[in-house]
Structure formats: C-alpha cells, structure tokens
PDB file of N, CA and C in Angstrom:
ATOM      1  N   MET A   1     -63.122-232.934   0.935  1.00  0.00           N
ATOM      2  CA  MET A   1     -63.277-233.328  -0.442  1.00  0.00           C
ATOM      3  C   MET A   1     -62.431-232.375  -1.287  1.00  0.00           C
ATOM      4  N   ARG A   2     -61.795-232.924  -2.279  1.00  0.00           N
ATOM      5  CA  ARG A   2     -60.956-232.088  -3.125  1.00  0.00           C
ATOM      6  C   ARG A   2     -61.592-231.965  -4.509  1.00  0.00           C
ATOM      7  N   ILE A   3     -61.748-230.734  -4.937  1.00  0.00           N
ATOM      8  CA  ILE A   3     -62.282-230.457  -6.266  1.00  0.00           C
ATOM      9  C   ILE A   3     -61.110-230.350  -7.231  1.00  0.00           C
ATOM     10  N   ASN A   4     -61.262-230.959  -8.393  1.00  0.00           N
ATOM     11  CA  ASN A   4     -60.232-230.910  -9.422  1.00  0.00           C
ATOM     12  C   ASN A   4     -60.188-229.501 -10.005  1.00  0.00           C
ATOM     13  N   ARG A   5     -59.040-228.857  -9.916  1.00  0.00           N
ATOM     14  CA  ARG A   5     -58.890-227.464 -10.361  1.00  0.00           C
ATOM     15  C   ARG A   5     -59.277-227.292 -11.827  1.00  0.00           C
ATOM     16  N   LYS A   6     -58.763-228.182 -12.678  1.00  0.00           N
ATOM     17  CA  LYS A   6     -59.024-228.057 -14.116  1.00  0.00           C
ATOM     18  C   LYS A   6     -60.501-228.238 -14.427  1.00  0.00           C
ATOM     19  N   LYS A   7     -61.117-229.234 -13.789  1.00  0.00           N
ATOM     20  CA  LYS A   7     -62.545-229.476 -14.013  1.00  0.00           C
ATOM     21  C   LYS A   7     -63.379-228.290 -13.536  1.00  0.00           C
ATOM     22  N   LEU A   8     -62.983-227.700 -12.411  1.00  0.00           N
ATOM     23  CA  LEU A   8     -63.698-226.532 -11.890  1.00  0.00           C
ATOM     24  C   LEU A   8     -63.588-225.362 -12.857  1.00  0.00           C
ATOM     25  N   ILE A   9     -62.390-225.100 -13.329  1.00  0.00           N
ATOM     26  CA  ILE A   9     -62.182-223.978 -14.250  1.00  0.00           C
ATOM     27  C   ILE A   9     -62.964-224.190 -15.537  1.00  0.00           C
ATOM     28  N   ILE A  10     -62.956-225.413 -16.064  1.00  0.00           N
ATOM     29  CA  ILE A  10     -63.712-225.706 -17.287  1.00  0.00           C
ATOM     30  C   ILE A  10     -65.204-225.493 -17.053  1.00  0.00           C
ATOM     31  N   ALA A  11     -65.718-225.976 -15.919  1.00  0.00           N
ATOM     32  CA  ALA A  11     -67.143-225.795 -15.607  1.00  0.00           C
ATOM     33  C   ALA A  11     -67.483-224.319 -15.458  1.00  0.00           C
ATOM     34  N   MET A  12     -66.577-223.551 -14.852  1.00  0.00           N
ATOM     35  CA  MET A  12     -66.807-222.108 -14.715  1.00  0.00           C
ATOM     36  C   MET A  12     -66.827-221.437 -16.090  1.00  0.00           C
ATOM     37  N   LEU A  13     -65.903-221.818 -16.961  1.00  0.00           N
ATOM     38  CA  LEU A  13     -65.875-221.250 -18.313  1.00  0.00           C
ATOM     39  C   LEU A  13     -67.125-221.640 -19.091  1.00  0.00           C
ATOM     40  N   ASP A  14     -67.525-222.908 -18.988  1.00  0.00           N
ATOM     41  CA  ASP A  14     -68.730-223.379 -19.678  1.00  0.00           C
ATOM     42  C   ASP A  14     -69.968-222.610 -19.233  1.00  0.00           C
ATOM     43  N   ASN A  15     -69.986-222.193 -17.970  1.00  0.00           N
ATOM     44  CA  ASN A  15     -71.125-221.455 -17.420  1.00  0.00           C
ATOM     45  C   ASN A  15     -70.906-219.950 -17.432  1.00  0.00           C
ATOM     46  N   ASP A  16     -69.771-219.532 -17.992  1.00  0.00           N
ATOM     47  CA  ASP A  16     -69.431-218.110 -18.087  1.00  0.00           C
ATOM     48  C   ASP A  16     -69.533-217.429 -16.721  1.00  0.00           C
ATOM     49  N   GLN A  17     -68.911-218.072 -15.706  1.00  0.00           N
ATOM     50  CA  GLN A  17     -68.960-217.541 -14.344  1.00  0.00           C
ATOM     51  C   GLN A  17     -67.564-217.207 -13.832  1.00  0.00           C
ATOM     52  N   THR A  18     -67.456-216.058 -13.229  1.00  0.00           N
ATOM     53  CA  THR A  18     -66.227-215.669 -12.543  1.00  0.00           C
ATOM     54  C   THR A  18     -66.293-216.208 -11.114  1.00  0.00           C
ATOM     55  N   VAL A  19     -65.217-216.053 -10.381  1.00  0.00           N
ATOM     56  CA  VAL A  19     -65.196-216.471  -8.977  1.00  0.00           C
ATOM     57  C   VAL A  19     -66.283-215.728  -8.203  1.00  0.00           C
ATOM     58  N   ILE A  20     -66.402-214.439  -8.439  1.00  0.00           N
ATOM     59  CA  ILE A  20     -67.409-213.636  -7.728  1.00  0.00           C
ATOM     60  C   ILE A  20     -68.819-214.106  -8.078  1.00  0.00           C
ATOM     61  N   GLN A  21     -69.075-214.354  -9.353  1.00  0.00           N
ATOM     62  CA  GLN A  21     -70.399-214.817  -9.770  1.00  0.00           C
ATOM     63  C   GLN A  21     -70.715-216.192  -9.185  1.00  0.00           C
ATOM     64  N   LEU A  22     -69.720-217.075  -9.193  1.00  0.00           N
ATOM     65  CA  LEU A  22     -69.924-218.411  -8.631  1.00  0.00           C
ATOM     66  C   LEU A  22     -70.171-218.331  -7.129  1.00  0.00           C
ATOM     67  N   ALA A  23     -69.462-217.455  -6.463  1.00  0.00           N
ATOM     68  CA  ALA A  23     -69.667-217.272  -5.020  1.00  0.00           C
ATOM     69  C   ALA A  23     -71.102-216.835  -4.736  1.00  0.00           C
ATOM     70  N   LYS A  24     -71.586-215.875  -5.500  1.00  0.00           N
ATOM     71  CA  LYS A  24     -72.964-215.400  -5.301  1.00  0.00           C
ATOM     72  C   LYS A  24     -73.978-216.491  -5.611  1.00  0.00           C
ATOM     73  N   ALA A  25     -73.767-217.216  -6.711  1.00  0.00           N
ATOM     74  CA  ALA A  25     -74.718-218.248  -7.133  1.00  0.00           C
ATOM     75  C   ALA A  25     -74.741-219.444  -6.186  1.00  0.00           C
ATOM     76  N   SER A  26     -73.599-219.747  -5.593  1.00  0.00           N
ATOM     77  CA  SER A  26     -73.500-220.936  -4.740  1.00  0.00           C
ATOM     78  C   SER A  26     -73.739-220.651  -3.262  1.00  0.00           C
ATOM     79  N   GLY A  27     -73.585-219.394  -2.868  1.00  0.00           N
ATOM     80  CA  GLY A  27     -73.687-219.067  -1.451  1.00  0.00           C
ATOM     81  C   GLY A  27     -72.424-219.408  -0.682  1.00  0.00           C
ATOM     82  N   VAL A  28     -71.336-219.626  -1.417  1.00  0.00           N
ATOM     83  CA  VAL A  28     -70.031-219.935  -0.830  1.00  0.00           C
ATOM     84  C   VAL A  28     -69.180-218.677  -0.964  1.00  0.00           C
ATOM     85  N   SER A  29     -68.375-218.381   0.024  1.00  0.00           N
ATOM     86  CA  SER A  29     -67.594-217.141  -0.022  1.00  0.00           C
ATOM     87  C   SER A  29     -66.601-217.132  -1.182  1.00  0.00           C
ATOM     88  N   ARG A  30     -66.278-215.935  -1.628  1.00  0.00           N
ATOM     89  CA  ARG A  30     -65.304-215.756  -2.706  1.00  0.00           C
ATOM     90  C   ARG A  30     -63.962-216.350  -2.317  1.00  0.00           C
ATOM     91  N   VAL A  31     -63.581-216.169  -1.060  1.00  0.00           N
ATOM     92  CA  VAL A  31     -62.307-216.701  -0.565  1.00  0.00           C
ATOM     93  C   VAL A  31     -62.293-218.224  -0.657  1.00  0.00           C
ATOM     94  N   THR A  32     -63.394-218.857  -0.266  1.00  0.00           N
ATOM     95  CA  THR A  32     -63.469-220.316  -0.334  1.00  0.00           C
ATOM     96  C   THR A  32     -63.392-220.794  -1.776  1.00  0.00           C
ATOM     97  N   ILE A  33     -64.102-220.130  -2.680  1.00  0.00           N
ATOM     98  CA  ILE A  33     -64.040-220.494  -4.106  1.00  0.00           C
ATOM     99  C   ILE A  33     -62.604-220.364  -4.604  1.00  0.00           C
ATOM    100  N   SER A  34     -61.943-219.285  -4.260  1.00  0.00           N
ATOM    101  CA  SER A  34     -60.552-219.076  -4.673  1.00  0.00           C
ATOM    102  C   SER A  34     -59.640-220.154  -4.102  1.00  0.00           C
ATOM    103  N   ASN A  35     -59.844-220.502  -2.841  1.00  0.00           N
ATOM    104  CA  ASN A  35     -59.039-221.557  -2.219  1.00  0.00           C
ATOM    105  C   ASN A  35     -59.236-222.894  -2.924  1.00  0.00           C
ATOM    106  N   VAL A  36     -60.481-223.221  -3.214  1.00  0.00           N
ATOM    107  CA  VAL A  36     -60.787-224.472  -3.911  1.00  0.00           C
ATOM    108  C   VAL A  36     -60.159-224.456  -5.301  1.00  0.00           C
ATOM    109  N   LYS A  37     -60.245-223.318  -5.960  1.00  0.00           N
ATOM    110  CA  LYS A  37     -59.674-223.173  -7.302  1.00  0.00           C
ATOM    111  C   LYS A  37     -58.156-223.331  -7.282  1.00  0.00           C
ATOM    112  N   CYS A  38     -57.544-223.044  -6.149  1.00  0.00           N
ATOM    113  CA  CYS A  38     -56.086-223.186  -5.987  1.00  0.00           C
ATOM    114  C   CYS A  38     -55.695-224.571  -5.480  1.00  0.00           C
ATOM    115  N   GLY A  39     -56.669-225.462  -5.320  1.00  0.00           N
ATOM    116  CA  GLY A  39     -56.353-226.837  -4.959  1.00  0.00           C
ATOM    117  C   GLY A  39     -56.589-227.229  -3.521  1.00  0.00           C
ATOM    118  N   LYS A  40     -57.132-226.328  -2.715  1.00  0.00           N
ATOM    119  CA  LYS A  40     -57.414-226.678  -1.316  1.00  0.00           C
ATOM    120  C   LYS A  40     -58.694-227.512  -1.255  1.00  0.00           C
ATOM    121  N   SER A  41     -58.800-228.326  -0.230  1.00  0.00           N
ATOM    122  CA  SER A  41     -59.985-229.167  -0.084  1.00  0.00           C
ATOM    123  C   SER A  41     -61.130-228.365   0.538  1.00  0.00           C
ATOM    124  N   CYS A  42     -62.322-228.931   0.437  1.00  0.00           N
ATOM    125  CA  CYS A  42     -63.510-228.276   0.999  1.00  0.00           C
ATOM    126  C   CYS A  42     -64.439-229.350   1.543  1.00  0.00           C
ATOM    127  N   SER A  43     -65.470-228.922   2.230  1.00  0.00           N
ATOM    128  CA  SER A  43     -66.446-229.869   2.770  1.00  0.00           C
ATOM    129  C   SER A  43     -67.322-230.413   1.642  1.00  0.00           C
ATOM    130  N   ASN A  44     -67.967-231.533   1.913  1.00  0.00           N
ATOM    131  CA  ASN A  44     -68.897-232.107   0.939  1.00  0.00           C
ATOM    132  C   ASN A  44     -70.013-231.120   0.618  1.00  0.00           C
ATOM    133  N   ALA A  45     -70.505-230.432   1.638  1.00  0.00           N
ATOM    134  CA  ALA A  45     -71.591-229.469   1.440  1.00  0.00           C
ATOM    135  C   ALA A  45     -71.157-228.342   0.508  1.00  0.00           C
ATOM    136  N   THR A  46     -69.927-227.870   0.670  1.00  0.00           N
ATOM    137  CA  THR A  46     -69.416-226.801  -0.189  1.00  0.00           C
ATOM    138  C   THR A  46     -69.292-227.293  -1.624  1.00  0.00           C
ATOM    139  N   ALA A  47     -68.773-228.494  -1.807  1.00  0.00           N
ATOM    140  CA  ALA A  47     -68.644-229.064  -3.154  1.00  0.00           C
ATOM    141  C   ALA A  47     -70.012-229.197  -3.814  1.00  0.00           C
ATOM    142  N   GLU A  48     -71.004-229.609  -3.042  1.00  0.00           N
ATOM    143  CA  GLU A  48     -72.361-229.742  -3.572  1.00  0.00           C
ATOM    144  C   GLU A  48     -72.934-228.391  -3.984  1.00  0.00           C
ATOM    145  N   LYS A  49     -72.707-227.362  -3.183  1.00  0.00           N
ATOM    146  CA  LYS A  49     -73.195-226.021  -3.515  1.00  0.00           C
ATOM    147  C   LYS A  49     -72.540-225.501  -4.790  1.00  0.00           C
ATOM    148  N   ILE A  50     -71.237-225.715  -4.908  1.00  0.00           N
ATOM    149  CA  ILE A  50     -70.507-225.258  -6.094  1.00  0.00           C
ATOM    150  C   ILE A  50     -71.015-225.999  -7.330  1.00  0.00           C
ATOM    151  N   ALA A  51     -71.144-227.318  -7.229  1.00  0.00           N
ATOM    152  CA  ALA A  51     -71.624-228.112  -8.359  1.00  0.00           C
ATOM    153  C   ALA A  51     -73.030-227.685  -8.777  1.00  0.00           C
ATOM    154  N   LYS A  52     -73.893-227.460  -7.806  1.00  0.00           N
ATOM    155  CA  LYS A  52     -75.269-227.039  -8.112  1.00  0.00           C
ATOM    156  C   LYS A  52     -75.272-225.700  -8.838  1.00  0.00           C
ATOM    157  N   ALA A  53     -74.444-224.765  -8.391  1.00  0.00           N
ATOM    158  CA  ALA A  53     -74.377-223.446  -9.029  1.00  0.00           C
ATOM    159  C   ALA A  53     -73.822-223.538 -10.449  1.00  0.00           C
ATOM    160  N   LEU A  54     -73.016-224.568 -10.707  1.00  0.00           N
ATOM    161  CA  LEU A  54     -72.442-224.766 -12.041  1.00  0.00           C
ATOM    162  C   LEU A  54     -73.293-225.703 -12.903  1.00  0.00           C
ATOM    163  N   ASN A  55     -74.400-226.188 -12.341  1.00  0.00           N
ATOM    164  CA  ASN A  55     -75.305-227.101 -13.050  1.00  0.00           C
ATOM    165  C   ASN A  55     -74.610-228.377 -13.501  1.00  0.00           C
ATOM    166  N   VAL A  56     -73.757-228.921 -12.636  1.00  0.00           N
ATOM    167  CA  VAL A  56     -73.073-230.180 -12.925  1.00  0.00           C
ATOM    168  C   VAL A  56     -73.178-231.086 -11.702  1.00  0.00           C
ATOM    169  N   PRO A  57     -73.097-232.400 -11.908  1.00  0.00           N
ATOM    170  CA  PRO A  57     -73.042-233.291 -10.749  1.00  0.00           C
ATOM    171  C   PRO A  57     -71.717-233.118 -10.014  1.00  0.00           C
ATOM    172  N   VAL A  58     -71.712-233.339  -8.728  1.00  0.00           N
ATOM    173  CA  VAL A  58     -70.480-233.214  -7.944  1.00  0.00           C
ATOM    174  C   VAL A  58     -69.394-234.109  -8.531  1.00  0.00           C
ATOM    175  N   SER A  59     -69.784-235.279  -9.003  1.00  0.00           N
ATOM    176  CA  SER A  59     -68.806-236.230  -9.547  1.00  0.00           C
ATOM    177  C   SER A  59     -68.051-235.674 -10.749  1.00  0.00           C
ATOM    178  N   ASP A  60     -68.623-234.675 -11.415  1.00  0.00           N
ATOM    179  CA  ASP A  60     -67.954-234.067 -12.576  1.00  0.00           C
ATOM    180  C   ASP A  60     -66.814-233.135 -12.190  1.00  0.00           C
ATOM    181  N   ILE A  61     -66.780-232.669 -10.951  1.00  0.00           N
ATOM    182  CA  ILE A  61     -65.752-231.687 -10.588  1.00  0.00           C
ATOM    183  C   ILE A  61     -64.796-232.150  -9.495  1.00  0.00           C
ATOM    184  N   ILE A  62     -65.079-233.283  -8.853  1.00  0.00           N
ATOM    185  CA  ILE A  62     -64.185-233.713  -7.770  1.00  0.00           C
ATOM    186  C   ILE A  62     -63.043-234.564  -8.304  1.00  0.00           C
ATOM    187  N   GLU A  63     -61.976-234.623  -7.498  1.00  0.00           N
ATOM    188  CA  GLU A  63     -60.862-235.526  -7.790  1.00  0.00           C
ATOM    189  C   GLU A  63     -61.372-236.941  -7.577  1.00  0.00           C
ATOM    190  N   ASN A  64     -60.984-237.844  -8.450  1.00  0.00           N
ATOM    191  CA  ASN A  64     -61.391-239.227  -8.197  1.00  0.00           C
ATOM    192  C   ASN A  64     -60.427-239.865  -7.210  1.00  0.00           C
ATOM    193  N   ALA A  65     -60.857-240.899  -6.556  1.00  0.00           N
ATOM    194  CA  ALA A  65     -60.070-241.528  -5.492  1.00  0.00           C
ATOM    195  C   ALA A  65     -58.742-242.064  -6.007  1.00  0.00           C
ATOM    196  N   THR A  66     -58.713-242.582  -7.225  1.00  0.00           N
ATOM    197  CA  THR A  66     -57.478-243.127  -7.786  1.00  0.00           C
ATOM    198  C   THR A  66     -56.438-242.035  -7.973  1.00  0.00           C
ATOM    199  N   ALA A  67     -56.853-240.906  -8.525  1.00  0.00           N
ATOM    200  CA  ALA A  67     -55.924-239.796  -8.744  1.00  0.00           C
ATOM    201  C   ALA A  67     -55.402-239.268  -7.417  1.00  0.00           C
ATOM    202  N   MET A  68     -56.263-239.195  -6.409  1.00  0.00           N
ATOM    203  CA  MET A  68     -55.836-238.698  -5.108  1.00  0.00           C
ATOM    204  C   MET A  68     -54.817-239.649  -4.482  1.00  0.00           C
ATOM    205  N   ALA A  69     -55.023-240.958  -4.630  1.00  0.00           N
ATOM    206  CA  ALA A  69     -54.089-241.939  -4.082  1.00  0.00           C
ATOM    207  C   ALA A  69     -52.747-241.861  -4.803  1.00  0.00           C
ATOM    208  N   ASP A  70     -52.783-241.679  -6.124  1.00  0.00           N
ATOM    209  CA  ASP A  70     -51.545-241.556  -6.899  1.00  0.00           C
ATOM    210  C   ASP A  70     -50.758-240.323  -6.489  1.00  0.00           C
ATOM    211  N   ASN A  71     -51.445-239.225  -6.238  1.00  0.00           N
ATOM    212  CA  ASN A  71     -50.782-237.982  -5.843  1.00  0.00           C
ATOM    213  C   ASN A  71     -50.179-238.080  -4.447  1.00  0.00           C
ATOM    214  N   ALA A  72     -50.742-238.922  -3.600  1.00  0.00           N
ATOM    215  CA  ALA A  72     -50.252-239.061  -2.234  1.00  0.00           C
ATOM    216  C   ALA A  72     -48.944-239.850  -2.177  1.00  0.00           C
ATOM    217  N   GLN A  73     -48.688-240.617  -3.214  1.00  0.00           N
ATOM    218  CA  GLN A  73     -47.477-241.457  -3.215  1.00  0.00           C
ATOM    219  C   GLN A  73     -46.266-240.731  -3.707  1.00  0.00           C
TER     220      GLN A  73
END
C-alpha cells in the first residue's frame, strides 16, 4: 500500500508529530516512517497503525487507485 507523502505530512503537522513521535505512537519503526514519508510502499497493517496514531482513517492518507494508475503510465 502506498501512503500519499503530502497527506502524511499534513496529518503529521495537524497532529504536531515528528517522525520519532509518530514512530513511538504507532509502534512502527522510525526507518519505516521515514521510508513511507519518502514515497516507499508499506503493508496494510503498517498503514493502519500510522493512520490510527494520526487519528485519521487510512483512506485519508493513502494514494487513491486512480492516481496510482496515472503515475504508472
């Protein structure tokens, strides 16, 4: 699953969380959070943990299928 970088950064700013704080709150490693923030994909479980720690639905931070298909072309 790919998390939208901009949406993630906005959610982090809205929650006043740094990468380290988000890692602690979500139980996901700092390296994984940094990788996701740089555009790498992650598992569904990781996306759910990140979204829960940011108090947002997963759908608010993931890339939508249309955007992903457009980027692949």
